[in-house]
N, C-alpha and C. Protein backbone atom coordinates (compact mmCIF):
# COMPACT_ATOMS: atom_id res chain seq x y z
N MET A 1 18.91 -4.34 5.66
CA MET A 1 17.86 -3.34 5.18
C MET A 1 16.97 -4.15 4.05
N THR A 2 15.90 -4.14 4.78
CA THR A 2 14.93 -4.71 3.95
C THR A 2 13.93 -3.69 3.06
N ALA A 3 13.36 -3.66 1.79
CA ALA A 3 12.36 -2.83 1.63
C ALA A 3 11.33 -3.41 1.23
N HIS A 4 10.04 -3.21 1.35
CA HIS A 4 8.89 -3.69 0.83
C HIS A 4 7.88 -2.59 0.44
N PHE A 5 6.99 -3.01 -0.90
CA PHE A 5 6.13 -2.12 -1.55
C PHE A 5 4.74 -3.15 -1.65
N THR A 6 3.69 -2.50 -1.10
CA THR A 6 2.31 -3.15 -1.13
C THR A 6 1.31 -2.48 -2.55
N LYS A 7 1.92 -1.20 -2.55
CA LYS A 7 1.09 -0.57 -3.63
C LYS A 7 1.85 -1.12 -5.23
N PRO A 8 1.08 -1.18 -5.97
CA PRO A 8 1.83 -1.31 -7.42
C PRO A 8 2.34 -0.43 -7.86
N VAL A 9 3.41 -0.37 -8.44
CA VAL A 9 4.29 0.56 -9.34
C VAL A 9 4.60 0.39 -10.68
N ALA A 10 4.37 1.30 -11.37
CA ALA A 10 4.79 1.29 -13.00
C ALA A 10 6.10 1.52 -13.23
N ILE A 11 6.82 0.65 -13.64
CA ILE A 11 8.45 0.83 -14.19
C ILE A 11 8.47 0.54 -15.42
N ASP A 12 9.63 1.20 -15.79
CA ASP A 12 10.01 1.03 -17.25
C ASP A 12 10.98 0.13 -17.19
N ALA A 13 11.10 -1.17 -17.87
CA ALA A 13 12.19 -1.90 -17.99
C ALA A 13 13.03 -1.69 -19.47
N ASP A 14 14.26 -1.14 -18.67
CA ASP A 14 14.89 -0.90 -19.83
C ASP A 14 16.26 -1.56 -19.72
N PRO A 15 16.73 -2.97 -20.65
CA PRO A 15 17.54 -3.27 -20.55
C PRO A 15 18.98 -3.02 -20.88
N ALA A 16 19.27 -1.73 -21.16
CA ALA A 16 20.07 -1.06 -21.30
C ALA A 16 20.78 -0.74 -20.01
N ARG A 17 19.56 -0.43 -19.12
CA ARG A 17 20.05 -0.23 -17.93
C ARG A 17 20.34 -1.15 -16.82
N GLY A 18 20.81 -1.96 -17.24
CA GLY A 18 20.77 -3.06 -16.28
C GLY A 18 19.32 -3.82 -15.89
N CYS A 19 19.46 -5.04 -14.70
CA CYS A 19 18.14 -5.21 -14.67
C CYS A 19 17.04 -4.03 -13.69
N GLY A 20 17.69 -2.94 -13.37
CA GLY A 20 17.24 -2.11 -12.46
C GLY A 20 16.51 -2.55 -11.31
N GLU A 21 15.08 -2.30 -11.36
CA GLU A 21 13.89 -2.24 -10.05
C GLU A 21 13.75 -3.42 -9.95
N MET A 22 13.83 -4.44 -11.05
CA MET A 22 13.07 -5.79 -10.97
C MET A 22 14.01 -7.02 -11.34
N SER A 23 13.57 -8.00 -10.98
CA SER A 23 14.26 -9.18 -11.06
C SER A 23 13.43 -10.64 -10.95
N PHE A 24 13.82 -10.98 -9.52
CA PHE A 24 13.32 -12.88 -9.64
C PHE A 24 11.86 -12.69 -8.82
N ALA A 25 10.98 -13.63 -9.40
CA ALA A 25 9.67 -13.78 -9.06
C ALA A 25 9.96 -14.37 -7.42
N ALA A 26 8.88 -14.50 -6.76
CA ALA A 26 8.87 -15.55 -5.93
C ALA A 26 8.82 -16.83 -6.10
N GLY A 27 9.21 -17.41 -4.99
CA GLY A 27 9.54 -19.08 -5.11
C GLY A 27 10.96 -19.56 -5.96
N THR A 28 11.76 -18.34 -6.52
CA THR A 28 13.11 -18.65 -7.06
C THR A 28 13.82 -18.86 -5.81
N TYR A 29 14.62 -20.00 -5.88
CA TYR A 29 15.37 -20.52 -5.08
C TYR A 29 17.09 -20.22 -5.25
N ILE A 30 17.70 -19.73 -4.43
CA ILE A 30 19.01 -19.05 -4.08
C ILE A 30 20.20 -19.96 -3.62
N ALA A 31 20.85 -20.23 -4.08
CA ALA A 31 22.04 -21.19 -3.29
C ALA A 31 22.89 -20.42 -2.02
N THR A 32 22.32 -20.49 -0.85
CA THR A 32 23.23 -20.38 0.43
C THR A 32 23.99 -21.24 0.87
N THR A 33 24.68 -20.78 2.15
CA THR A 33 25.29 -21.34 3.03
C THR A 33 24.32 -22.81 3.81
N ARG A 34 22.75 -22.08 3.67
CA ARG A 34 22.01 -23.17 4.70
C ARG A 34 21.43 -24.08 3.71
N GLY A 35 21.59 -24.11 2.05
CA GLY A 35 21.22 -24.84 0.99
C GLY A 35 20.12 -24.03 0.61
N GLU A 36 19.19 -24.18 -0.46
CA GLU A 36 18.80 -23.12 -1.23
C GLU A 36 17.63 -22.87 -0.54
N ILE A 37 17.42 -21.57 -0.52
CA ILE A 37 16.30 -20.49 0.37
C ILE A 37 15.68 -19.79 -0.68
N ALA A 38 14.20 -19.91 -0.62
CA ALA A 38 13.28 -19.09 -1.72
C ALA A 38 13.95 -17.51 -1.45
N ILE A 39 13.74 -16.89 -2.44
CA ILE A 39 14.12 -15.13 -2.59
C ILE A 39 13.76 -14.55 -1.66
N GLU A 40 11.95 -15.06 -1.50
CA GLU A 40 11.48 -13.98 -0.62
C GLU A 40 11.82 -14.08 0.89
N ALA A 41 12.59 -15.30 1.48
CA ALA A 41 12.92 -15.26 2.60
C ALA A 41 14.36 -15.07 3.25
N LEU A 42 15.17 -14.56 2.10
CA LEU A 42 16.49 -14.29 1.94
C LEU A 42 16.35 -12.99 3.08
N THR A 43 17.75 -12.54 3.82
CA THR A 43 17.44 -11.98 4.73
C THR A 43 18.93 -10.87 4.90
N VAL A 44 18.99 -10.06 5.39
CA VAL A 44 20.32 -9.34 5.07
C VAL A 44 21.50 -10.03 6.23
N GLY A 45 22.71 -10.03 5.63
CA GLY A 45 23.45 -11.15 6.19
C GLY A 45 24.08 -12.18 6.10
N GLN A 46 22.59 -13.03 5.52
CA GLN A 46 23.25 -14.37 4.94
C GLN A 46 23.83 -14.45 4.03
N ARG A 47 24.69 -15.54 3.68
CA ARG A 47 25.58 -15.72 3.06
C ARG A 47 25.42 -16.42 1.72
N VAL A 48 25.37 -16.10 0.42
CA VAL A 48 24.96 -16.51 -0.52
C VAL A 48 26.13 -17.03 -1.41
N LEU A 49 26.19 -18.18 -2.12
CA LEU A 49 27.25 -18.65 -3.05
C LEU A 49 27.06 -17.82 -4.36
N THR A 50 28.53 -17.95 -4.67
CA THR A 50 28.61 -16.55 -5.71
C THR A 50 29.65 -17.26 -6.66
N ARG A 51 29.76 -17.42 -7.95
CA ARG A 51 30.40 -17.88 -9.11
C ARG A 51 32.02 -17.24 -8.85
N ASP A 52 32.25 -15.93 -8.63
CA ASP A 52 33.36 -15.69 -8.95
C ASP A 52 34.13 -15.45 -7.25
N ASN A 53 33.21 -15.09 -6.41
CA ASN A 53 33.70 -14.72 -5.11
C ASN A 53 33.26 -15.70 -3.86
N GLY A 54 32.83 -16.66 -4.18
CA GLY A 54 32.87 -17.56 -2.96
C GLY A 54 31.35 -17.24 -2.32
N LEU A 55 31.26 -17.04 -0.80
CA LEU A 55 30.29 -16.93 -0.21
C LEU A 55 30.28 -15.63 -0.17
N GLN A 56 29.23 -14.67 -0.45
CA GLN A 56 29.19 -13.40 0.03
C GLN A 56 27.79 -12.82 0.94
N LYS A 57 28.13 -12.21 1.71
CA LYS A 57 27.11 -11.75 2.25
C LYS A 57 25.91 -10.55 1.57
N VAL A 58 24.79 -10.85 2.02
CA VAL A 58 23.79 -10.02 1.89
C VAL A 58 23.80 -8.90 2.20
N LEU A 59 23.66 -7.52 1.56
CA LEU A 59 23.90 -6.18 2.05
C LEU A 59 22.36 -5.97 2.17
N TRP A 60 21.26 -6.17 1.26
CA TRP A 60 20.16 -5.52 1.00
C TRP A 60 19.42 -6.29 0.20
N VAL A 61 17.94 -6.52 0.87
CA VAL A 61 16.88 -7.37 -0.18
C VAL A 61 15.88 -6.62 -0.15
N GLY A 62 14.84 -6.71 -1.28
CA GLY A 62 13.77 -5.75 -1.94
C GLY A 62 12.84 -6.31 -2.53
N THR A 63 11.67 -5.96 -2.34
CA THR A 63 10.45 -6.35 -2.70
C THR A 63 9.43 -5.08 -3.58
N VAL A 64 8.98 -5.53 -5.00
CA VAL A 64 8.58 -4.61 -5.52
C VAL A 64 7.17 -5.25 -5.97
N GLU A 65 6.06 -4.62 -5.88
CA GLU A 65 4.89 -5.21 -7.05
C GLU A 65 5.03 -4.16 -7.95
N VAL A 66 4.82 -4.62 -9.13
CA VAL A 66 4.97 -4.12 -10.35
C VAL A 66 3.84 -4.24 -11.23
N ALA A 67 2.73 -3.19 -11.77
CA ALA A 67 1.91 -3.05 -12.52
C ALA A 67 2.27 -3.19 -14.19
N LEU A 68 2.11 -4.09 -14.70
CA LEU A 68 2.62 -4.34 -16.36
C LEU A 68 1.72 -3.71 -16.81
N THR A 69 1.90 -2.81 -17.71
CA THR A 69 1.07 -2.15 -18.36
C THR A 69 1.47 -2.45 -20.02
N ARG A 70 2.50 -3.14 -20.08
CA ARG A 70 2.99 -3.07 -21.65
C ARG A 70 3.49 -4.37 -21.80
N ALA A 71 3.31 -5.44 -22.97
CA ALA A 71 3.53 -6.75 -23.33
C ALA A 71 5.18 -7.04 -23.01
N GLU A 72 5.67 -6.18 -23.48
CA GLU A 72 7.58 -6.02 -23.48
C GLU A 72 7.81 -6.38 -21.80
N ASP A 73 6.87 -5.70 -20.95
CA ASP A 73 7.06 -5.58 -19.50
C ASP A 73 6.83 -6.88 -18.62
N THR A 74 6.10 -8.14 -19.78
CA THR A 74 5.78 -9.32 -18.87
C THR A 74 6.83 -10.10 -18.52
N PRO A 75 6.84 -10.59 -17.38
CA PRO A 75 8.19 -11.79 -17.09
C PRO A 75 8.52 -12.71 -18.12
N VAL A 76 9.47 -13.07 -17.85
CA VAL A 76 9.96 -14.30 -19.01
C VAL A 76 10.26 -15.81 -17.66
N ARG A 77 9.84 -16.59 -18.27
CA ARG A 77 9.61 -18.03 -17.83
C ARG A 77 10.70 -19.09 -18.35
N ILE A 78 11.75 -19.33 -17.67
CA ILE A 78 12.69 -20.18 -18.26
C ILE A 78 12.40 -21.58 -18.14
N ARG A 79 12.08 -22.52 -18.75
CA ARG A 79 11.44 -23.92 -18.56
C ARG A 79 12.94 -24.40 -18.02
N ALA A 80 12.48 -25.62 -16.87
CA ALA A 80 14.09 -26.13 -16.64
C ALA A 80 14.39 -27.05 -18.01
N GLY A 81 15.57 -26.93 -17.90
CA GLY A 81 16.51 -27.78 -19.18
C GLY A 81 16.44 -26.77 -20.25
N ALA A 82 15.87 -25.49 -20.08
CA ALA A 82 16.04 -24.68 -21.55
C ALA A 82 17.29 -23.97 -22.02
N LEU A 83 17.97 -24.18 -20.80
CA LEU A 83 19.78 -23.52 -21.07
C LEU A 83 20.37 -24.52 -21.37
N GLY A 84 19.75 -25.50 -21.01
CA GLY A 84 21.29 -26.94 -21.63
C GLY A 84 21.43 -27.04 -20.52
N ALA A 85 22.29 -28.59 -20.27
CA ALA A 85 22.36 -29.39 -19.40
C ALA A 85 21.83 -29.20 -17.98
N GLY A 86 20.37 -29.72 -18.29
CA GLY A 86 19.52 -29.42 -17.16
C GLY A 86 19.58 -28.16 -16.28
N LEU A 87 19.60 -26.93 -16.94
CA LEU A 87 19.67 -26.26 -16.55
C LEU A 87 18.46 -25.13 -16.95
N PRO A 88 17.80 -24.13 -16.21
CA PRO A 88 17.55 -24.55 -14.83
C PRO A 88 16.98 -25.63 -14.33
N GLN A 89 17.33 -25.73 -13.22
CA GLN A 89 16.95 -27.15 -12.49
C GLN A 89 15.30 -27.50 -12.61
N SER A 90 14.71 -26.21 -12.30
CA SER A 90 13.40 -25.81 -12.25
C SER A 90 13.12 -24.68 -13.06
N ASP A 91 11.87 -24.30 -13.26
CA ASP A 91 11.37 -23.09 -14.17
C ASP A 91 11.53 -22.06 -13.48
N LEU A 92 12.36 -20.78 -13.86
CA LEU A 92 13.05 -19.83 -13.28
C LEU A 92 12.00 -18.38 -13.93
N ILE A 93 11.30 -17.76 -13.08
CA ILE A 93 10.77 -16.67 -13.90
C ILE A 93 11.05 -15.60 -13.52
N VAL A 94 11.60 -14.44 -14.17
CA VAL A 94 12.48 -13.08 -13.89
C VAL A 94 11.78 -12.06 -14.69
N ALA A 95 12.12 -11.14 -14.24
CA ALA A 95 11.77 -9.96 -15.01
C ALA A 95 12.59 -10.02 -16.21
N PRO A 96 11.87 -9.49 -17.68
CA PRO A 96 12.61 -9.32 -19.03
C PRO A 96 13.88 -8.59 -19.28
N ALA A 97 14.22 -7.94 -18.36
CA ALA A 97 15.53 -7.12 -18.49
C ALA A 97 16.49 -8.05 -17.49
N HIS A 98 15.93 -8.85 -16.54
CA HIS A 98 17.03 -10.00 -15.85
C HIS A 98 17.87 -10.23 -16.78
N ARG A 99 19.32 -10.26 -16.42
CA ARG A 99 20.41 -11.22 -16.97
C ARG A 99 20.92 -12.47 -16.83
N VAL A 100 20.76 -13.06 -17.14
CA VAL A 100 21.23 -14.55 -17.31
C VAL A 100 22.58 -15.18 -17.81
N LEU A 101 23.65 -15.81 -17.05
CA LEU A 101 24.81 -15.94 -17.84
C LEU A 101 24.47 -17.41 -18.67
N VAL A 102 25.35 -17.00 -19.63
CA VAL A 102 25.36 -18.15 -20.74
C VAL A 102 26.85 -18.51 -20.86
N PHE A 103 27.33 -19.72 -20.86
CA PHE A 103 28.58 -20.14 -21.38
C PHE A 103 28.66 -21.32 -22.09
N GLY A 104 30.13 -21.23 -22.24
CA GLY A 104 30.23 -22.85 -22.75
C GLY A 104 29.98 -22.75 -24.28
N ALA A 105 29.71 -23.73 -24.99
CA ALA A 105 29.25 -23.94 -26.24
C ALA A 105 28.34 -22.68 -27.00
N ILE A 106 27.08 -22.82 -25.92
CA ILE A 106 26.02 -22.23 -26.44
C ILE A 106 26.39 -20.51 -26.52
N ALA A 107 27.21 -20.14 -25.52
CA ALA A 107 28.02 -18.58 -25.36
C ALA A 107 29.02 -18.65 -26.80
N GLN A 108 29.67 -19.61 -26.63
CA GLN A 108 30.59 -19.51 -28.38
C GLN A 108 29.54 -19.30 -29.34
N GLU A 109 28.75 -19.94 -29.55
CA GLU A 109 27.76 -20.31 -30.54
C GLU A 109 26.98 -19.06 -31.24
N MET A 110 26.39 -18.43 -29.89
CA MET A 110 25.48 -16.98 -30.15
C MET A 110 26.37 -16.03 -29.67
N PHE A 111 27.57 -15.96 -28.81
CA PHE A 111 27.80 -14.54 -28.25
C PHE A 111 29.55 -14.47 -29.41
N GLY A 112 30.02 -15.76 -29.32
CA GLY A 112 31.52 -15.32 -29.56
C GLY A 112 32.50 -15.26 -28.62
N CYS A 113 31.77 -15.62 -27.39
CA CYS A 113 32.70 -15.66 -26.16
C CYS A 113 32.50 -16.52 -25.37
N SER A 114 33.45 -17.01 -24.19
CA SER A 114 33.07 -17.84 -23.30
C SER A 114 32.26 -17.72 -21.72
N GLU A 115 32.01 -16.49 -21.97
CA GLU A 115 30.52 -16.30 -20.93
C GLU A 115 30.00 -15.07 -20.82
N ALA A 116 29.08 -14.82 -21.17
CA ALA A 116 28.44 -13.51 -21.32
C ALA A 116 26.90 -13.61 -20.27
N PHE A 117 26.47 -12.25 -20.23
CA PHE A 117 25.11 -12.24 -19.51
C PHE A 117 24.08 -11.88 -20.76
N VAL A 118 23.09 -12.31 -20.97
CA VAL A 118 21.99 -11.79 -21.60
C VAL A 118 20.76 -11.64 -21.20
N THR A 119 20.34 -10.58 -21.56
CA THR A 119 18.98 -10.38 -20.89
C THR A 119 17.62 -12.05 -20.70
N ALA A 120 17.21 -11.87 -20.10
CA ALA A 120 15.86 -12.88 -20.24
C ALA A 120 15.06 -12.84 -21.90
N ALA A 121 14.98 -11.45 -21.90
CA ALA A 121 13.91 -11.31 -23.03
C ALA A 121 14.81 -11.38 -24.37
N ASN A 122 16.06 -11.71 -24.27
CA ASN A 122 16.56 -11.81 -25.74
C ASN A 122 17.14 -13.16 -25.74
N LEU A 123 16.52 -13.78 -24.60
CA LEU A 123 16.53 -15.38 -25.06
C LEU A 123 15.31 -15.94 -25.39
N THR A 124 13.88 -15.22 -25.54
CA THR A 124 12.96 -16.00 -26.19
C THR A 124 12.61 -16.42 -27.24
N PHE A 125 13.81 -16.58 -27.97
CA PHE A 125 13.63 -17.01 -29.26
C PHE A 125 13.89 -18.65 -29.13
N LEU A 126 14.50 -18.78 -28.19
CA LEU A 126 15.04 -20.24 -27.13
C LEU A 126 13.87 -21.23 -26.91
N PRO A 127 13.58 -22.27 -27.69
CA PRO A 127 12.45 -23.21 -27.17
C PRO A 127 12.49 -23.57 -25.03
N GLY A 128 11.25 -23.09 -25.05
CA GLY A 128 11.48 -23.40 -23.40
C GLY A 128 11.29 -22.04 -23.01
N ILE A 129 11.87 -20.88 -23.59
CA ILE A 129 11.60 -19.68 -22.93
C ILE A 129 10.92 -18.88 -23.46
N ALA A 130 9.61 -18.19 -22.54
CA ALA A 130 8.51 -17.43 -23.47
C ALA A 130 8.16 -16.52 -22.40
N ARG A 131 7.84 -15.50 -22.93
CA ARG A 131 6.78 -14.38 -21.94
C ARG A 131 5.51 -15.46 -21.34
N LEU A 132 4.85 -14.69 -19.77
CA LEU A 132 4.75 -14.97 -18.99
C LEU A 132 3.31 -13.98 -19.01
N PRO A 133 1.96 -14.48 -19.26
CA PRO A 133 1.16 -13.32 -19.66
C PRO A 133 0.92 -12.93 -17.75
N ALA A 134 0.60 -11.40 -17.72
CA ALA A 134 0.75 -11.03 -16.36
C ALA A 134 0.17 -9.71 -16.18
N ALA A 135 -0.82 -9.14 -15.52
CA ALA A 135 -1.18 -8.02 -15.04
C ALA A 135 -0.44 -7.20 -14.07
N THR A 136 -0.23 -8.18 -12.89
CA THR A 136 0.89 -7.64 -12.13
C THR A 136 2.05 -8.61 -11.69
N MET A 137 2.78 -8.31 -10.93
CA MET A 137 4.26 -9.01 -10.50
C MET A 137 4.69 -8.40 -9.67
N THR A 138 5.32 -9.60 -8.47
CA THR A 138 6.06 -9.23 -7.36
C THR A 138 7.43 -9.66 -7.78
N TYR A 139 7.91 -8.81 -7.35
CA TYR A 139 9.86 -9.02 -7.55
C TYR A 139 10.40 -9.08 -6.57
N HIS A 140 11.49 -9.64 -6.53
CA HIS A 140 12.40 -9.60 -5.22
C HIS A 140 13.83 -9.51 -5.77
N GLN A 141 14.44 -8.51 -4.91
CA GLN A 141 16.11 -8.67 -5.47
C GLN A 141 16.69 -8.98 -4.33
N VAL A 142 17.93 -8.54 -4.68
CA VAL A 142 19.27 -8.86 -3.60
C VAL A 142 20.62 -8.28 -3.96
N LEU A 143 21.25 -7.38 -3.50
CA LEU A 143 22.27 -6.47 -3.35
C LEU A 143 23.48 -7.26 -2.46
N PHE A 144 24.64 -7.15 -3.11
CA PHE A 144 26.08 -7.27 -2.47
C PHE A 144 26.91 -6.22 -2.47
N ALA A 145 28.00 -6.37 -2.18
CA ALA A 145 29.29 -5.33 -1.99
C ALA A 145 29.44 -5.39 -3.59
N ARG A 146 29.79 -5.88 -4.50
CA ARG A 146 29.82 -5.86 -5.80
C ARG A 146 28.91 -6.91 -6.78
N HIS A 147 28.49 -6.44 -8.08
CA HIS A 147 27.36 -7.19 -9.04
C HIS A 147 28.12 -8.79 -9.02
N GLU A 148 26.90 -9.44 -8.31
CA GLU A 148 27.68 -10.95 -8.05
C GLU A 148 26.85 -11.75 -9.37
N VAL A 149 27.36 -13.29 -9.76
CA VAL A 149 26.57 -14.21 -10.63
C VAL A 149 26.31 -15.20 -9.36
N ILE A 150 25.25 -15.30 -9.30
CA ILE A 150 24.33 -16.27 -7.93
C ILE A 150 23.56 -17.30 -8.87
N LEU A 151 23.40 -18.39 -7.91
CA LEU A 151 22.56 -19.37 -8.46
C LEU A 151 21.27 -19.26 -8.04
N SER A 152 20.52 -19.54 -9.26
CA SER A 152 18.92 -19.35 -9.12
C SER A 152 18.15 -20.64 -9.62
N ASN A 153 17.65 -21.44 -8.90
CA ASN A 153 17.17 -22.44 -9.62
C ASN A 153 18.19 -23.30 -10.22
N GLY A 154 19.35 -23.29 -9.82
CA GLY A 154 20.29 -24.20 -10.48
C GLY A 154 21.25 -23.33 -11.59
N ALA A 155 20.63 -22.32 -11.89
CA ALA A 155 21.07 -21.80 -13.21
C ALA A 155 21.92 -20.52 -12.43
N TRP A 156 22.85 -19.94 -13.22
CA TRP A 156 23.53 -18.32 -13.27
C TRP A 156 22.97 -17.28 -13.52
N THR A 157 22.86 -16.59 -12.43
CA THR A 157 22.01 -15.53 -12.88
C THR A 157 22.71 -14.02 -12.06
N GLU A 158 22.20 -13.12 -12.62
CA GLU A 158 23.09 -11.98 -12.04
C GLU A 158 22.40 -11.43 -10.69
N SER A 159 22.76 -10.79 -9.80
CA SER A 159 22.20 -9.90 -8.63
C SER A 159 22.13 -8.55 -8.85
N LEU A 160 21.40 -8.10 -8.09
CA LEU A 160 20.89 -6.17 -7.97
C LEU A 160 22.69 -5.92 -8.69
N GLN A 161 22.68 -4.91 -9.38
CA GLN A 161 23.48 -4.27 -10.46
C GLN A 161 22.44 -2.45 -10.64
N PRO A 162 22.46 -2.04 -9.28
CA PRO A 162 22.00 -0.38 -9.82
C PRO A 162 22.94 0.44 -10.65
N ALA A 163 22.39 0.63 -11.98
CA ALA A 163 23.02 1.64 -12.68
C ALA A 163 23.26 2.87 -12.39
N PRO A 164 24.30 3.65 -12.69
CA PRO A 164 24.29 5.03 -12.30
C PRO A 164 23.48 5.94 -12.31
N GLN A 165 22.68 5.76 -13.40
CA GLN A 165 21.44 6.42 -13.30
C GLN A 165 20.55 6.46 -12.68
N ASP A 166 20.56 5.36 -11.76
CA ASP A 166 19.33 4.85 -10.98
C ASP A 166 19.43 5.61 -9.86
N ALA A 167 20.89 6.60 -9.19
CA ALA A 167 20.62 7.21 -8.02
C ALA A 167 19.96 8.09 -7.95
N GLY A 168 19.19 8.83 -9.02
CA GLY A 168 18.69 10.04 -9.27
C GLY A 168 17.03 9.71 -9.59
N GLU A 169 16.51 8.52 -9.82
CA GLU A 169 15.30 8.38 -10.16
C GLU A 169 15.36 6.69 -10.09
N GLY A 170 14.29 6.13 -10.29
CA GLY A 170 13.58 4.90 -10.62
C GLY A 170 13.81 4.11 -9.35
N LEU A 171 15.13 3.39 -9.40
CA LEU A 171 15.28 2.31 -7.98
C LEU A 171 15.48 3.42 -6.91
N ALA A 172 16.41 4.50 -6.82
CA ALA A 172 16.07 5.12 -5.55
C ALA A 172 14.82 5.85 -5.20
N ALA A 173 14.20 6.23 -5.77
CA ALA A 173 12.62 6.40 -5.65
C ALA A 173 12.15 4.95 -5.22
N LEU A 174 12.28 4.07 -5.28
CA LEU A 174 11.57 2.78 -5.08
C LEU A 174 11.87 2.26 -3.82
N PHE A 175 13.56 2.49 -3.66
CA PHE A 175 14.14 2.03 -2.34
C PHE A 175 14.98 2.51 -2.12
N PRO A 176 14.80 3.77 -1.36
CA PRO A 176 15.77 5.10 -0.67
C PRO A 176 16.81 4.59 0.06
N ALA A 177 16.71 3.45 0.68
CA ALA A 177 17.83 2.61 1.63
C ALA A 177 18.81 2.39 0.92
N LEU A 178 18.97 2.55 -0.17
CA LEU A 178 19.85 2.02 -1.52
C LEU A 178 20.99 2.79 -1.53
N ALA A 179 20.21 4.33 -1.31
CA ALA A 179 21.41 5.48 -1.36
C ALA A 179 22.40 5.26 -0.67
N GLU A 180 22.15 4.81 0.87
CA GLU A 180 22.83 4.58 1.97
C GLU A 180 23.72 3.62 1.66
N ILE A 181 23.89 2.72 0.93
CA ILE A 181 24.29 1.36 0.94
C ILE A 181 25.34 1.89 -0.03
N GLY A 182 25.15 2.28 -1.19
CA GLY A 182 25.52 2.20 -2.66
C GLY A 182 25.29 1.38 -3.46
N GLY A 183 26.04 1.01 -4.34
CA GLY A 183 25.83 -0.51 -4.99
C GLY A 183 27.08 -0.20 -6.24
N PRO A 184 26.88 -1.73 -6.79
CA PRO A 184 28.07 -1.93 -7.55
C PRO A 184 27.52 -1.34 -9.07
N ALA A 185 28.94 -0.72 -9.48
CA ALA A 185 28.76 -0.21 -10.95
C ALA A 185 29.06 -0.96 -12.19
N VAL A 186 30.27 -1.88 -11.72
CA VAL A 186 30.27 -2.82 -12.55
C VAL A 186 30.15 -4.16 -13.05
N SER A 187 29.69 -4.54 -13.81
CA SER A 187 28.78 -5.79 -14.37
C SER A 187 29.98 -6.69 -14.38
N ALA A 188 29.41 -7.87 -13.87
CA ALA A 188 30.18 -8.97 -13.64
C ALA A 188 30.49 -9.94 -14.70
N ARG A 189 30.17 -9.35 -15.97
CA ARG A 189 30.01 -10.16 -17.11
C ARG A 189 29.88 -9.27 -18.10
N PRO A 190 30.50 -9.15 -19.38
CA PRO A 190 29.91 -8.32 -20.34
C PRO A 190 28.33 -8.82 -20.96
N VAL A 191 27.77 -7.53 -20.96
CA VAL A 191 26.46 -7.80 -21.65
C VAL A 191 26.24 -8.29 -22.91
N VAL A 192 25.63 -9.02 -23.43
CA VAL A 192 25.38 -9.24 -25.04
C VAL A 192 23.84 -9.27 -25.74
N ARG A 193 24.30 -9.34 -26.93
CA ARG A 193 22.57 -9.52 -27.91
C ARG A 193 22.83 -10.98 -28.34
N PRO A 194 21.95 -11.89 -28.43
CA PRO A 194 22.05 -12.85 -29.39
C PRO A 194 22.27 -12.28 -30.75
N ARG A 195 23.24 -13.30 -31.72
CA ARG A 195 23.33 -13.03 -32.79
C ARG A 195 22.38 -14.06 -33.73
N LEU A 196 21.43 -13.43 -34.33
CA LEU A 196 20.52 -14.17 -34.71
C LEU A 196 20.69 -14.40 -36.55
């Protein structure tokens, strides 16, 4: 199932609720069995490389155009190499509540653990990670049988994880087909905030 919306919608991006309705900007490349494919070209049934569970079949893809009425809703650009070790391999643009996997020394230093998810908005204090001014944004999302950690532009990030409260509002209103599929409720990693 694929869902597309052409009318702009206003969405409240609440990091506490997960990535919710929004996620990747067009032009984000996802690692699949056929190499890296632009998120907007992914289709149901394709297999995507995941960090924990090998190749997983795409159950659903969606696209939504969002009217960004507040500064805190603007997307975040993560410049190539801003996450260290050459990650991401090219600039990555995501919704502010989209979660990025941090691991290794940076995770130990910032969060006191070996791996964790942190929202893109909570990484904007780092060099090379900043808000991208925009009035509207088209986001793309992908759903698997469980919440997954996937490669996007060479960096590990999250797949769609509908929050339990999305069942009756927000996401379900935008993408009614998700009610038929269900969705992962358990996060693939703990979600943390930087210790500044």
